Amino acid sequence: MNISELKPGTGNVNLEVEVVSKDNEREINKYGRKLKVANFTVKDDSGSIVLVLWNEQIDQVKEGGKIKIENGYVNEWQGAAQLTLGKFGKLEAI
């Protein structure tokens, strides 16, 4: 699968991508819990997309590194497609 094929609602996304950049981490309060969230821009030969990571996932990813995503899914936030792992996705540095 390539980034250019991803549309909001796409599930079971399996990709190997390069991490281009990381936006600032932020902390949010969701249902009384403090969570860390960060957006990363990732790319492959077909294009780029924002990857949203939470908590300990953030520390697994470095700018310029390559990662493998298994069972991710694409949602939409403020009109733009975003890739996320959700509860069932996996992330591995390669």
Protein backbone atom coordinates (compact mmCIF):
# COMPACT_ATOMS: atom_id res chain seq x y z
CA MET A 1 0.00 0.00 0.00
CA ASN A 2 1.17 3.55 -0.77
CA ILE A 3 0.35 6.86 0.89
CA SER A 4 -1.27 8.09 -2.33
CA GLU A 5 -3.91 5.34 -1.93
CA LEU A 6 -4.98 6.46 1.56
CA LYS A 7 -8.36 8.12 2.04
CA PRO A 8 -10.37 8.82 5.21
CA GLY A 9 -12.00 5.56 6.29
CA THR A 10 -9.18 3.33 4.98
CA GLY A 11 -8.36 0.63 7.52
CA ASN A 12 -5.80 -2.15 7.84
CA VAL A 13 -3.06 0.17 6.58
CA ASN A 14 0.39 -1.44 6.30
CA LEU A 15 3.21 0.88 5.23
CA GLU A 16 6.92 1.53 5.45
CA VAL A 17 7.57 5.27 5.55
CA GLU A 18 10.25 7.85 6.26
CA VAL A 19 9.68 10.36 9.06
CA VAL A 20 10.10 13.84 7.61
CA SER A 21 9.27 16.07 10.56
CA LYS A 22 7.67 16.26 14.00
CA ASP A 23 5.36 18.99 15.25
CA ASN A 24 5.48 20.07 18.88
CA GLU A 25 4.19 17.58 21.41
CA ARG A 26 1.15 18.73 23.29
CA GLU A 27 -0.67 17.49 26.32
CA ILE A 28 -4.42 17.12 26.37
CA ASN A 29 -6.89 16.16 29.04
CA LYS A 30 -9.28 13.49 27.77
CA TYR A 31 -11.86 11.95 30.08
CA GLY A 32 -9.84 13.12 33.10
CA ARG A 33 -6.58 11.58 31.83
CA LYS A 34 -3.53 13.52 30.67
CA LEU A 35 -2.31 12.30 27.30
CA LYS A 36 0.60 13.34 25.08
CA VAL A 37 -0.01 13.68 21.35
CA ALA A 38 2.28 14.66 18.46
CA ASN A 39 1.85 14.93 14.72
CA PHE A 40 4.57 13.64 12.40
CA THR A 41 4.80 14.12 8.65
CA VAL A 42 5.73 10.84 6.97
CA LYS A 43 6.38 10.09 3.31
CA ASP A 44 6.97 7.36 0.79
CA ASP A 45 7.61 7.51 -2.96
CA SER A 46 3.95 8.35 -3.65
CA GLY A 47 3.36 11.24 -1.24
CA SER A 48 3.10 12.32 2.39
CA ILE A 49 0.54 12.26 5.21
CA VAL A 50 0.29 13.33 8.85
CA LEU A 51 0.80 10.47 11.33
CA VAL A 52 -0.73 11.09 14.77
CA LEU A 53 0.99 9.30 17.66
CA TRP A 54 0.12 9.13 21.34
CA ASN A 55 2.09 8.74 24.58
CA GLU A 56 4.90 6.16 24.40
CA GLN A 57 4.52 5.81 20.61
CA ILE A 58 5.97 9.32 20.25
CA ASP A 59 9.36 8.28 21.66
CA GLN A 60 9.68 5.40 19.17
CA VAL A 61 9.89 7.74 16.19
CA LYS A 62 12.80 9.97 15.15
CA GLU A 63 12.99 12.53 12.36
CA GLY A 64 14.84 11.05 9.39
CA GLY A 65 14.15 7.49 10.56
CA LYS A 66 12.09 4.83 8.85
CA ILE A 67 9.13 3.12 10.44
CA LYS A 68 6.82 0.25 9.66
CA ILE A 69 3.12 0.69 10.42
CA GLU A 70 0.81 -2.29 10.70
CA ASN A 71 -2.97 -2.18 10.94
CA GLY A 72 -3.22 1.61 10.98
CA TYR A 73 -6.22 3.53 9.79
CA VAL A 74 -7.00 6.87 8.19
CA ASN A 75 -9.41 9.38 9.65
CA GLU A 76 -10.10 13.03 8.91
CA TRP A 77 -9.36 16.02 11.13
CA GLN A 78 -10.29 19.55 10.09
CA GLY A 79 -10.68 18.46 6.47
CA ALA A 80 -7.31 16.67 6.15
CA ALA A 81 -6.56 12.95 6.13
CA GLN A 82 -4.51 11.65 9.07
CA LEU A 83 -2.94 8.27 9.67
CA THR A 84 -3.18 6.84 13.18
CA LEU A 85 -2.57 3.53 14.92
CA GLY A 86 -5.55 3.45 17.23
CA LYS A 87 -5.78 0.59 19.73
CA PHE A 88 -4.87 -2.21 17.35
CA GLY A 89 -2.13 -0.73 15.17
CA LYS A 90 1.58 -1.43 15.58
CA LEU A 91 4.64 0.71 15.03
CA GLU A 92 8.20 -0.50 14.55
CA ALA A 93 11.40 1.43 13.83
CA ILE A 94 13.35 -0.12 10.94
